[in-house]
Amino acid sequence: TPTIPDHADSVARDVGINGPVTNALYCGPDRQCGFVDPVCLVLCGQEPAVNTPSDTPDVWARQASRLPLAFAQVREDPRLDLEIISQLPDHPVIVMIASGGETAIQVARQLPAQLHLVDMNPAQLAITRLKWSLAETCSVAESRSLLGHDPMDPCDRGVRLAQHMEQLNLPSDTFGPPEQVAVWGPDFSGRYERAFAELQRELAPIAAEIQRVLESSHESPGATAFFEPDTESGRVFDATFDRVMSLKNLVCLFGKDATQNPRQSFAAHFAWRTRLSLSRPDRTQNPFLWQLLVGRFPSTAAYDWLLPSSNCLLYTSDAADE
């Protein structure tokens, strides 16, 4: 009978199995049992003798699914909201989904309005409060570093974040394990952001080509031809979206209610929309596209609230209603 490693229960939780690991789940380093169970795969570092069920989410998705934040960043252009709000009567009262907070901050900076931010997920309200506090008290450079967009020593980031969380009366693990959040930064600690991190990891074989396209001017003829579906790089592109954005992974991350009745597979939709954005002349300055594909901003662009010109006071500090 093999000795079960001390960390076996933790590994089991990582692969979606609750309860203690017994010898029925772990056969030892020789992998003689042929069990399908993924605990053996992770503990032994070998492929299981029988393939795991096709509807089993990937390990990274099961790990990310435990993170409190669904979306750390808002990937919707706040200028659309500002345009609509500008057509309302003076000093409107606005109810808005908090999400990652970026749109709310821009609305508060640009227009005098009473904002009521709501969200079913308390972690989304918490990260909005954090960003609101950073917008009021920190420079853009400080905010970018603390949130994970620019390099910062994880120990220093952890200490600074702990101070802000304490001032906001928020538990240290509001966004996940504090040590891990200090490494990633809060803006990269959401389930969506971990999906994009996995996407970037899987796109590594064509990362140099993607970077060249992102940096190419709109006058460059055929700049995006490399990722057309009938090319080798295009096939890597599509296969990566198929794996990472598979329905089993998205259901694991966001639940069935958020993934019902798509007109086409989510993977195909993401790949199509990403190709479309890559073909546009503004690809060199599109912060949403850069965050998706390379996990950072272009050198001369960012979300509006993190632009140097956005370093101004908010109209009101009473924005996040819990």
Protein backbone atom coordinates (compact mmCIF):
# COMPACT_ATOMS: atom_id res chain seq x y z
CA THR A 1 0.00 0.00 0.00
CA PRO A 2 1.60 3.32 -1.05
CA THR A 3 2.05 6.17 1.40
CA ILE A 4 -0.27 9.03 0.57
CA PRO A 5 1.66 12.33 0.32
CA ASP A 6 0.84 15.02 2.86
CA HIS A 7 -0.28 17.43 0.16
CA ALA A 8 -2.64 14.95 -1.51
CA ASP A 9 -5.82 16.52 -0.14
CA SER A 10 -4.75 19.93 -1.42
CA VAL A 11 -4.04 18.47 -4.85
CA ALA A 12 -7.42 16.76 -4.83
CA ARG A 13 -9.15 20.09 -4.19
CA ASP A 14 -7.18 21.63 -7.06
CA VAL A 15 -8.58 19.06 -9.47
CA GLY A 16 -12.12 19.37 -8.16
CA ILE A 17 -12.35 16.45 -5.72
CA ASN A 18 -13.66 17.05 -2.22
CA GLY A 19 -12.85 14.88 0.73
CA PRO A 20 -9.69 13.13 1.89
CA VAL A 21 -7.57 11.17 -0.56
CA THR A 22 -7.59 7.45 0.21
CA ASN A 23 -5.74 4.53 -1.36
CA ALA A 24 -8.76 4.13 -3.61
CA LEU A 25 -7.74 7.42 -5.24
CA TYR A 26 -3.96 7.16 -5.10
CA CYS A 27 -2.05 4.14 -6.35
CA GLY A 28 1.47 5.36 -5.67
CA PRO A 29 4.27 6.56 -7.96
CA ASP A 30 4.26 3.42 -10.13
CA ARG A 31 0.77 4.19 -11.47
CA GLN A 32 -0.23 0.53 -11.58
CA CYS A 33 -3.93 0.92 -10.91
CA GLY A 34 -4.92 2.50 -14.21
CA PHE A 35 -7.45 4.69 -12.42
CA VAL A 36 -8.89 7.60 -14.32
CA ASP A 37 -8.83 9.83 -11.27
CA PRO A 38 -6.73 12.97 -11.89
CA VAL A 39 -5.22 12.91 -8.39
CA CYS A 40 -2.80 10.25 -9.60
CA LEU A 41 -1.98 12.33 -12.65
CA VAL A 42 -0.99 15.37 -10.57
CA LEU A 43 0.75 13.55 -7.72
CA CYS A 44 2.67 11.14 -9.92
CA GLY A 45 3.39 13.50 -12.77
CA GLN A 46 2.31 10.92 -15.33
CA GLU A 47 -0.53 10.53 -17.78
CA PRO A 48 -3.39 8.40 -16.47
CA ALA A 49 -3.85 5.03 -18.10
CA VAL A 50 -7.36 6.03 -19.20
CA ASN A 51 -8.28 9.47 -20.50
CA THR A 52 -10.25 11.68 -18.13
CA PRO A 53 -13.83 12.48 -19.16
CA SER A 54 -14.04 15.09 -21.91
CA ASP A 55 -16.36 17.28 -19.85
CA THR A 56 -13.83 17.66 -17.01
CA PRO A 57 -12.60 21.27 -16.82
CA ASP A 58 -8.87 21.90 -17.07
CA VAL A 59 -6.87 22.09 -13.85
CA TRP A 60 -6.16 25.80 -14.28
CA ALA A 61 -9.92 26.49 -14.61
CA ARG A 62 -10.74 24.51 -11.47
CA GLN A 63 -8.09 26.42 -9.56
CA ALA A 64 -9.26 29.79 -10.89
CA SER A 65 -12.90 28.98 -10.14
CA ARG A 66 -12.16 29.42 -6.42
CA LEU A 67 -11.16 33.07 -6.88
CA PRO A 68 -13.79 35.50 -5.53
CA LEU A 69 -13.52 37.98 -8.42
CA ALA A 70 -15.21 37.07 -11.66
CA PHE A 71 -13.87 40.13 -13.52
CA ALA A 72 -11.06 42.22 -12.10
CA GLN A 73 -11.09 44.58 -15.09
CA VAL A 74 -13.92 46.13 -17.11
CA ARG A 75 -13.40 45.48 -20.80
CA GLU A 76 -16.07 47.85 -22.04
CA ASP A 77 -15.30 51.32 -23.32
CA PRO A 78 -16.48 53.86 -20.70
CA ARG A 79 -16.80 56.52 -23.38
CA LEU A 80 -20.01 54.83 -24.53
CA ASP A 81 -21.51 55.24 -21.06
CA LEU A 82 -20.31 58.82 -20.85
CA GLU A 83 -21.93 59.65 -24.17
CA ILE A 84 -25.29 58.28 -23.01
CA ILE A 85 -25.09 59.94 -19.60
CA SER A 86 -24.22 63.28 -21.18
CA GLN A 87 -27.67 63.29 -22.78
CA LEU A 88 -29.46 62.98 -19.42
CA PRO A 89 -30.74 65.94 -17.39
CA ASP A 90 -28.27 67.71 -15.12
CA HIS A 91 -27.10 65.86 -12.01
CA PRO A 92 -28.69 62.53 -12.86
CA VAL A 93 -29.04 59.59 -10.49
CA ILE A 94 -27.39 56.55 -12.06
CA VAL A 95 -27.53 52.89 -11.12
CA MET A 96 -24.62 50.93 -12.55
CA ILE A 97 -23.18 47.43 -12.27
CA ALA A 98 -19.89 47.80 -10.39
CA SER A 99 -17.96 45.03 -12.18
CA GLY A 100 -14.27 46.03 -12.06
CA GLY A 101 -14.87 49.71 -11.31
CA GLU A 102 -13.17 51.40 -14.26
CA THR A 103 -16.34 52.77 -15.87
CA ALA A 104 -17.69 54.06 -12.57
CA ILE A 105 -14.49 56.00 -11.89
CA GLN A 106 -14.56 57.64 -15.30
CA VAL A 107 -18.20 58.60 -14.92
CA ALA A 108 -17.48 60.13 -11.53
CA ARG A 109 -14.49 62.04 -12.89
CA GLN A 110 -16.17 63.42 -15.97
CA LEU A 111 -19.77 64.09 -14.97
CA PRO A 112 -21.46 65.35 -11.79
CA ALA A 113 -23.84 62.51 -11.01
CA GLN A 114 -25.06 60.47 -8.08
CA LEU A 115 -23.86 56.92 -8.60
CA HIS A 116 -25.34 53.80 -7.03
CA LEU A 117 -23.11 50.82 -7.79
CA VAL A 118 -24.58 47.37 -7.39
CA ASP A 119 -23.26 43.87 -7.92
CA MET A 120 -24.34 40.38 -6.89
CA ASN A 121 -20.71 39.58 -6.08
CA PRO A 122 -19.34 41.43 -3.00
CA ALA A 123 -15.78 41.05 -4.34
CA GLN A 124 -16.71 43.22 -7.34
CA LEU A 125 -17.90 46.00 -5.04
CA ALA A 126 -14.71 45.58 -3.04
CA ILE A 127 -12.37 46.01 -6.01
CA THR A 128 -14.40 49.03 -7.12
CA ARG A 129 -13.93 50.54 -3.67
CA LEU A 130 -10.20 49.80 -3.84
CA LYS A 131 -9.81 51.46 -7.24
CA TRP A 132 -11.95 54.38 -6.12
CA SER A 133 -9.60 54.84 -3.16
CA LEU A 134 -6.54 54.63 -5.42
CA ALA A 135 -8.05 57.18 -7.80
CA GLU A 136 -8.55 59.60 -4.91
CA THR A 137 -5.26 59.11 -3.08
CA CYS A 138 -2.61 57.75 -5.47
CA SER A 139 -0.94 58.80 -8.69
CA VAL A 140 -1.65 56.90 -11.88
CA ALA A 141 1.82 55.34 -11.70
CA GLU A 142 1.20 54.11 -8.15
CA SER A 143 -2.21 52.74 -9.06
CA ARG A 144 -0.86 50.85 -12.07
CA SER A 145 1.90 49.26 -10.00
CA LEU A 146 -0.35 48.30 -7.10
CA LEU A 147 -2.95 46.75 -9.41
CA GLY A 148 -0.33 44.70 -11.27
CA HIS A 149 -0.04 46.58 -14.58
CA ASP A 150 3.54 47.70 -13.93
CA PRO A 151 6.36 45.83 -12.16
CA MET A 152 6.48 45.99 -8.38
CA ASP A 153 8.13 43.82 -5.77
CA PRO A 154 5.42 41.42 -4.53
CA CYS A 155 6.38 42.02 -0.91
CA ASP A 156 6.02 45.77 -1.33
CA ARG A 157 2.77 45.34 -3.25
CA GLY A 158 1.42 43.04 -0.54
CA VAL A 159 2.23 45.53 2.21
CA ARG A 160 0.70 48.46 0.34
CA LEU A 161 -2.42 46.52 -0.59
CA ALA A 162 -2.85 45.37 3.01
CA GLN A 163 -2.78 48.99 4.13
CA HIS A 164 -5.43 50.00 1.62
CA MET A 165 -7.60 46.99 2.49
CA GLU A 166 -7.39 47.81 6.18
CA GLN A 167 -8.37 51.42 5.54
CA LEU A 168 -11.38 50.19 3.56
CA ASN A 169 -12.25 47.66 6.29
CA LEU A 170 -11.96 44.79 3.80
CA PRO A 171 -10.66 41.31 4.72
CA SER A 172 -7.17 40.58 3.42
CA ASP A 173 -8.42 37.62 1.35
CA THR A 174 -11.22 39.55 -0.36
CA PHE A 175 -9.63 38.91 -3.78
CA GLY A 176 -8.08 35.53 -2.97
CA PRO A 177 -4.96 34.37 -1.12
CA PRO A 178 -3.10 37.61 -0.25
CA GLU A 179 0.30 36.15 -1.15
CA GLN A 180 -0.92 35.23 -4.62
CA VAL A 181 -2.72 38.53 -5.16
CA ALA A 182 0.53 40.30 -4.24
CA VAL A 183 2.28 38.43 -7.06
CA TRP A 184 -0.39 38.94 -9.73
CA GLY A 185 -1.87 42.24 -8.58
CA PRO A 186 -5.63 42.64 -7.97
CA ASP A 187 -6.31 43.48 -11.62
CA PHE A 188 -5.03 40.04 -12.63
CA SER A 189 -6.70 38.06 -9.83
CA GLY A 190 -10.11 37.53 -11.42
CA ARG A 191 -11.32 34.34 -13.03
CA TYR A 192 -11.55 36.04 -16.42
CA GLU A 193 -8.01 37.34 -16.08
CA ARG A 194 -6.70 33.86 -15.26
CA ALA A 195 -8.41 32.57 -18.41
CA PHE A 196 -6.57 35.22 -20.41
CA ALA A 197 -3.30 34.31 -18.69
CA GLU A 198 -3.83 30.72 -19.79
CA LEU A 199 -4.67 31.91 -23.29
CA GLN A 200 -1.42 33.85 -23.45
CA ARG A 201 0.52 30.81 -22.21
CA GLU A 202 -1.03 28.61 -24.88
CA LEU A 203 -0.38 31.23 -27.58
CA ALA A 204 3.34 31.28 -26.76
CA PRO A 205 4.34 29.50 -30.04
CA ILE A 206 3.00 32.47 -32.05
CA ALA A 207 3.52 35.20 -29.44
CA ALA A 208 6.22 36.96 -31.49
CA GLU A 209 3.93 37.11 -34.52
CA ILE A 210 1.07 38.48 -32.42
CA GLN A 211 3.35 41.15 -30.98
CA ARG A 212 4.47 42.20 -34.46
CA VAL A 213 0.86 42.58 -35.57
CA LEU A 214 -0.06 44.59 -32.47
CA GLU A 215 2.84 46.95 -33.11
CA SER A 216 2.40 47.21 -36.89
CA SER A 217 0.99 50.39 -38.38
CA HIS A 218 -2.35 50.37 -40.15
CA GLU A 219 -0.54 50.99 -43.41
CA SER A 220 1.27 47.62 -43.15
CA PRO A 221 -0.20 45.45 -45.94
CA GLY A 222 -1.04 41.90 -44.96
CA ALA A 223 0.03 42.46 -41.35
CA THR A 224 -2.71 40.17 -40.06
CA ALA A 225 -2.49 37.50 -42.74
CA PHE A 226 -0.51 35.15 -40.52
CA PHE A 227 -3.49 34.26 -38.29
CA GLU A 228 -6.00 33.49 -41.05
CA PRO A 229 -7.64 30.08 -40.41
CA ASP A 230 -5.89 28.35 -43.31
CA THR A 231 -2.37 29.18 -42.05
CA GLU A 232 -0.32 27.25 -39.51
CA SER A 233 -0.36 30.15 -37.07
CA GLY A 234 -4.08 30.56 -37.63
CA ARG A 235 -4.65 26.94 -36.71
CA VAL A 236 -2.65 27.44 -33.50
CA PHE A 237 -4.74 30.55 -32.83
CA ASP A 238 -8.05 28.71 -33.24
CA ALA A 239 -6.96 25.58 -31.36
CA THR A 240 -5.85 27.71 -28.41
CA PHE A 241 -9.19 29.49 -28.17
CA ASP A 242 -10.98 26.13 -28.51
CA ARG A 243 -9.04 24.69 -25.57
CA VAL A 244 -9.00 27.66 -23.20
CA MET A 245 -12.47 29.02 -23.95
CA SER A 246 -14.13 25.61 -24.06
CA LEU A 247 -17.62 25.44 -22.63
CA LYS A 248 -16.52 23.10 -19.83
CA ASN A 249 -13.93 25.65 -18.66
CA LEU A 250 -16.30 28.62 -18.91
CA VAL A 251 -19.06 26.80 -17.01
CA CYS A 252 -16.50 25.93 -14.33
CA LEU A 253 -15.42 29.57 -14.07
CA PHE A 254 -18.77 31.37 -14.36
CA GLY A 255 -21.57 28.82 -13.99
CA LYS A 256 -24.17 27.48 -16.38
CA ASP A 257 -26.45 30.52 -16.21
CA ALA A 258 -23.74 32.74 -17.70
CA THR A 259 -22.98 30.37 -20.57
CA GLN A 260 -26.39 29.32 -21.87
CA ASN A 261 -27.65 29.38 -25.45
CA PRO A 262 -24.73 30.92 -27.35
CA ARG A 263 -25.41 31.56 -31.04
CA GLN A 264 -22.03 29.99 -31.71
CA SER A 265 -19.42 28.42 -29.46
CA PHE A 266 -17.81 30.91 -27.12
CA ALA A 267 -14.39 29.87 -28.38
CA ALA A 268 -15.33 30.59 -32.00
CA HIS A 269 -16.90 33.92 -31.02
CA PHE A 270 -13.81 35.01 -29.06
CA ALA A 271 -11.49 34.00 -31.90
CA TRP A 272 -13.62 35.83 -34.49
CA ARG A 273 -13.89 39.03 -32.45
CA THR A 274 -10.17 38.97 -31.65
CA ARG A 275 -9.28 38.55 -35.33
CA LEU A 276 -11.58 41.44 -36.16
CA SER A 277 -9.93 43.68 -33.57
CA LEU A 278 -6.47 42.68 -34.78
CA SER A 279 -7.42 43.71 -38.31
CA ARG A 280 -8.45 47.23 -37.25
CA PRO A 281 -5.99 50.11 -37.60
CA ASP A 282 -6.41 51.04 -33.92
CA ARG A 283 -4.91 47.71 -32.78
CA THR A 284 -1.69 49.48 -31.77
CA GLN A 285 -3.61 51.58 -29.22
CA ASN A 286 -6.35 49.18 -28.11
CA PRO A 287 -5.76 48.50 -24.38
CA PHE A 288 -8.48 45.83 -24.25
CA LEU A 289 -6.90 43.84 -27.08
CA TRP A 290 -3.41 44.10 -25.60
CA GLN A 291 -4.65 42.94 -22.20
CA LEU A 292 -6.28 39.92 -23.81
CA LEU A 293 -3.33 38.81 -25.94
CA VAL A 294 -0.21 39.94 -24.08
CA GLY A 295 -1.44 40.82 -20.59
CA ARG A 296 -0.30 44.44 -20.58
CA PHE A 297 -1.04 47.86 -22.02
CA PRO A 298 0.63 49.32 -25.11
CA SER A 299 3.28 51.87 -24.20
CA THR A 300 1.12 54.85 -25.15
CA ALA A 301 -2.37 53.70 -24.11
CA ALA A 302 -4.25 52.34 -21.10
CA TYR A 303 -7.74 52.33 -19.66
CA ASP A 304 -8.99 55.91 -19.48
CA TRP A 305 -8.83 56.15 -15.70
CA LEU A 306 -5.18 55.05 -15.78
CA LEU A 307 -4.02 57.62 -18.32
CA PRO A 308 -1.76 60.42 -17.00
CA SER A 309 -4.39 62.99 -17.98
CA SER A 310 -6.88 61.27 -15.67
CA ASN A 311 -5.07 62.32 -12.51
CA CYS A 312 -7.90 64.47 -11.20
CA LEU A 313 -10.33 64.43 -8.32
CA LEU A 314 -13.59 62.55 -8.41
CA TYR A 315 -16.82 64.52 -8.21
CA THR A 316 -17.95 62.48 -5.23
CA SER A 317 -16.53 59.83 -2.96
CA ASP A 318 -19.93 58.32 -2.22
CA ALA A 319 -19.96 55.93 -5.18
CA ALA A 320 -19.95 52.33 -4.03
CA ASP A 321 -23.09 51.21 -2.24
CA GLU A 322 -22.74 47.83 -0.53
